[in-house]
Amino acid sequence: MINININKTDLTAMCELKVILKGKTIMEDVVRLTADKDAIKLQSILGETKTVHGRIVDINITKQEAIIDG
């Protein structure tokens, strides 16, 4: 989460990611990725979890996506 204070006004921007594996979106609204060897645990903003196998190739906050190679 990014908090910006401009002229005493707080603006909050959430950074949820779309996770892509083998060219297909496998999960959206991901706020946490945890890597352990070749397993990557994904967690959504609502607490949904999914574990995939592979390696993180790219995380692009501007595009709001994470690319996993598996």
N, C-alpha and C. Protein backbone atom coordinates (compact mmCIF):
# COMPACT_ATOMS: atom_id res chain seq x y z
N MET A 1 0.85 -1.16 0.00
CA MET A 1 0.00 0.00 0.00
C MET A 1 0.90 1.23 0.00
N ILE A 2 0.52 2.21 -0.75
CA ILE A 2 1.27 3.46 -0.83
C ILE A 2 0.39 4.58 -0.26
N ASN A 3 0.92 5.30 0.71
CA ASN A 3 0.21 6.44 1.27
C ASN A 3 0.91 7.71 0.80
N ILE A 4 0.17 8.64 0.27
CA ILE A 4 0.71 9.91 -0.22
C ILE A 4 -0.02 11.04 0.50
N ASN A 5 0.74 11.98 1.05
CA ASN A 5 0.14 13.12 1.73
C ASN A 5 0.39 14.37 0.89
N ILE A 6 -0.65 14.89 0.26
CA ILE A 6 -0.55 16.09 -0.57
C ILE A 6 -1.49 17.14 0.02
N ASN A 7 -0.90 18.26 0.46
CA ASN A 7 -1.70 19.35 1.05
C ASN A 7 -2.64 18.85 2.14
N LYS A 8 -2.10 18.05 3.03
CA LYS A 8 -2.85 17.50 4.17
C LYS A 8 -4.00 16.60 3.76
N THR A 9 -3.93 16.02 2.55
CA THR A 9 -4.94 15.06 2.09
C THR A 9 -4.26 13.72 1.91
N ASP A 10 -4.77 12.70 2.54
CA ASP A 10 -4.19 11.37 2.40
C ASP A 10 -4.83 10.64 1.24
N LEU A 11 -3.99 10.13 0.35
CA LEU A 11 -4.45 9.30 -0.76
C LEU A 11 -3.83 7.92 -0.59
N THR A 12 -4.60 6.89 -0.78
CA THR A 12 -4.11 5.54 -0.63
C THR A 12 -4.28 4.80 -1.94
N ALA A 13 -3.22 4.13 -2.39
CA ALA A 13 -3.27 3.34 -3.62
C ALA A 13 -2.89 1.90 -3.30
N MET A 14 -3.73 0.97 -3.66
CA MET A 14 -3.45 -0.44 -3.44
C MET A 14 -2.72 -0.99 -4.66
N CYS A 15 -1.83 -1.92 -4.43
CA CYS A 15 -1.06 -2.53 -5.51
C CYS A 15 -1.34 -4.03 -5.55
N GLU A 16 -2.46 -4.41 -6.14
CA GLU A 16 -2.76 -5.82 -6.30
C GLU A 16 -2.21 -6.27 -7.64
N LEU A 17 -1.73 -7.50 -7.68
CA LEU A 17 -1.12 -8.02 -8.89
C LEU A 17 -1.97 -9.09 -9.55
N LYS A 18 -1.83 -9.17 -10.85
CA LYS A 18 -2.37 -10.29 -11.63
C LYS A 18 -1.16 -11.20 -11.83
N VAL A 19 -1.30 -12.50 -11.52
CA VAL A 19 -0.19 -13.44 -11.65
C VAL A 19 -0.39 -14.27 -12.91
N ILE A 20 0.66 -14.30 -13.74
CA ILE A 20 0.60 -14.98 -15.03
C ILE A 20 1.59 -16.14 -15.03
N LEU A 21 1.11 -17.32 -15.41
CA LEU A 21 1.92 -18.53 -15.52
C LEU A 21 1.65 -19.15 -16.88
N LYS A 22 2.69 -19.37 -17.66
CA LYS A 22 2.57 -19.96 -19.01
C LYS A 22 1.59 -19.18 -19.88
N GLY A 23 1.63 -17.85 -19.78
CA GLY A 23 0.80 -16.99 -20.61
C GLY A 23 -0.65 -16.87 -20.19
N LYS A 24 -1.04 -17.52 -19.07
CA LYS A 24 -2.42 -17.47 -18.61
C LYS A 24 -2.48 -16.86 -17.21
N THR A 25 -3.49 -16.04 -16.99
CA THR A 25 -3.71 -15.47 -15.66
C THR A 25 -4.21 -16.58 -14.74
N ILE A 26 -3.48 -16.82 -13.66
CA ILE A 26 -3.87 -17.88 -12.73
C ILE A 26 -4.51 -17.34 -11.45
N MET A 27 -4.27 -16.04 -11.17
CA MET A 27 -4.87 -15.45 -9.97
C MET A 27 -4.81 -13.94 -10.09
N GLU A 28 -5.83 -13.26 -9.59
CA GLU A 28 -5.87 -11.80 -9.59
C GLU A 28 -5.98 -11.29 -8.17
N ASP A 29 -5.76 -9.99 -8.00
CA ASP A 29 -5.83 -9.32 -6.70
C ASP A 29 -4.85 -9.89 -5.68
N VAL A 30 -3.67 -10.30 -6.15
CA VAL A 30 -2.64 -10.86 -5.28
C VAL A 30 -1.88 -9.72 -4.60
N VAL A 31 -1.74 -9.84 -3.28
CA VAL A 31 -1.04 -8.82 -2.51
C VAL A 31 0.24 -9.37 -1.87
N ARG A 32 0.43 -10.69 -1.94
CA ARG A 32 1.63 -11.28 -1.34
C ARG A 32 2.08 -12.50 -2.13
N LEU A 33 3.39 -12.55 -2.44
CA LEU A 33 4.02 -13.71 -3.05
C LEU A 33 5.13 -14.15 -2.11
N THR A 34 5.14 -15.42 -1.74
CA THR A 34 6.18 -15.95 -0.87
C THR A 34 6.85 -17.11 -1.58
N ALA A 35 8.16 -16.99 -1.83
CA ALA A 35 8.90 -18.01 -2.55
C ALA A 35 9.66 -18.89 -1.58
N ASP A 36 9.59 -20.22 -1.79
CA ASP A 36 10.34 -21.19 -1.00
C ASP A 36 10.83 -22.27 -1.96
N LYS A 37 12.09 -22.16 -2.34
CA LYS A 37 12.71 -23.04 -3.35
C LYS A 37 11.94 -22.90 -4.66
N ASP A 38 11.27 -23.96 -5.14
CA ASP A 38 10.54 -23.83 -6.42
C ASP A 38 9.04 -23.63 -6.21
N ALA A 39 8.60 -23.49 -4.97
CA ALA A 39 7.18 -23.27 -4.68
C ALA A 39 6.94 -21.78 -4.40
N ILE A 40 5.87 -21.25 -4.95
CA ILE A 40 5.50 -19.86 -4.72
C ILE A 40 4.07 -19.83 -4.21
N LYS A 41 3.89 -19.29 -3.01
CA LYS A 41 2.57 -19.17 -2.42
C LYS A 41 2.02 -17.79 -2.74
N LEU A 42 0.83 -17.75 -3.31
CA LEU A 42 0.16 -16.51 -3.67
C LEU A 42 -0.98 -16.27 -2.69
N GLN A 43 -1.17 -15.03 -2.28
CA GLN A 43 -2.27 -14.70 -1.37
C GLN A 43 -2.99 -13.47 -1.91
N SER A 44 -4.32 -13.58 -2.00
CA SER A 44 -5.13 -12.47 -2.51
C SER A 44 -5.48 -11.51 -1.38
N ILE A 45 -6.03 -10.39 -1.77
CA ILE A 45 -6.43 -9.36 -0.80
C ILE A 45 -7.50 -9.89 0.15
N LEU A 46 -8.26 -10.90 -0.29
CA LEU A 46 -9.31 -11.48 0.56
C LEU A 46 -8.85 -12.71 1.32
N GLY A 47 -7.54 -13.05 1.22
CA GLY A 47 -7.00 -14.18 1.97
C GLY A 47 -6.98 -15.50 1.24
N GLU A 48 -7.49 -15.54 0.01
CA GLU A 48 -7.43 -16.77 -0.79
C GLU A 48 -5.97 -17.09 -1.08
N THR A 49 -5.58 -18.36 -1.00
CA THR A 49 -4.20 -18.75 -1.28
C THR A 49 -4.14 -19.81 -2.36
N LYS A 50 -3.00 -19.81 -3.05
CA LYS A 50 -2.74 -20.82 -4.08
C LYS A 50 -1.23 -21.00 -4.11
N THR A 51 -0.78 -22.25 -4.27
CA THR A 51 0.64 -22.53 -4.39
C THR A 51 0.92 -23.05 -5.78
N VAL A 52 1.93 -22.47 -6.42
CA VAL A 52 2.35 -22.90 -7.75
C VAL A 52 3.84 -23.21 -7.70
N HIS A 53 4.31 -23.96 -8.70
CA HIS A 53 5.73 -24.30 -8.77
C HIS A 53 6.35 -23.61 -9.97
N GLY A 54 7.51 -23.03 -9.75
CA GLY A 54 8.22 -22.31 -10.79
C GLY A 54 9.13 -21.28 -10.17
N ARG A 55 9.47 -20.26 -10.96
CA ARG A 55 10.32 -19.18 -10.46
C ARG A 55 9.74 -17.85 -10.90
N ILE A 56 9.90 -16.86 -10.07
CA ILE A 56 9.42 -15.52 -10.40
C ILE A 56 10.38 -14.91 -11.43
N VAL A 57 9.84 -14.54 -12.57
CA VAL A 57 10.64 -13.95 -13.65
C VAL A 57 10.60 -12.43 -13.57
N ASP A 58 9.42 -11.86 -13.29
CA ASP A 58 9.27 -10.41 -13.29
C ASP A 58 8.09 -10.01 -12.42
N ILE A 59 8.27 -8.93 -11.67
CA ILE A 59 7.17 -8.29 -10.96
C ILE A 59 7.16 -6.84 -11.42
N ASN A 60 6.06 -6.44 -12.05
CA ASN A 60 5.96 -5.09 -12.60
C ASN A 60 4.78 -4.39 -11.93
N ILE A 61 5.08 -3.49 -11.01
CA ILE A 61 4.03 -2.78 -10.26
C ILE A 61 3.24 -1.86 -11.18
N THR A 62 3.92 -1.24 -12.15
CA THR A 62 3.25 -0.34 -13.08
C THR A 62 2.17 -1.07 -13.87
N LYS A 63 2.48 -2.28 -14.34
CA LYS A 63 1.50 -3.10 -15.08
C LYS A 63 0.60 -3.90 -14.14
N GLN A 64 0.93 -3.92 -12.86
CA GLN A 64 0.22 -4.68 -11.85
C GLN A 64 0.17 -6.17 -12.21
N GLU A 65 1.36 -6.72 -12.55
CA GLU A 65 1.42 -8.15 -12.87
C GLU A 65 2.73 -8.77 -12.42
N ALA A 66 2.64 -10.06 -12.15
CA ALA A 66 3.82 -10.87 -11.82
C ALA A 66 3.86 -12.03 -12.79
N ILE A 67 5.03 -12.29 -13.36
CA ILE A 67 5.20 -13.36 -14.32
C ILE A 67 5.97 -14.49 -13.63
N ILE A 68 5.42 -15.70 -13.70
CA ILE A 68 6.07 -16.88 -13.14
C ILE A 68 6.36 -17.85 -14.28
N ASP A 69 7.59 -18.38 -14.29
CA ASP A 69 7.99 -19.37 -15.29
C ASP A 69 7.95 -20.72 -14.61
N GLY A 70 7.17 -21.63 -15.17
CA GLY A 70 7.05 -22.93 -14.53
C GLY A 70 7.10 -23.97 -15.51
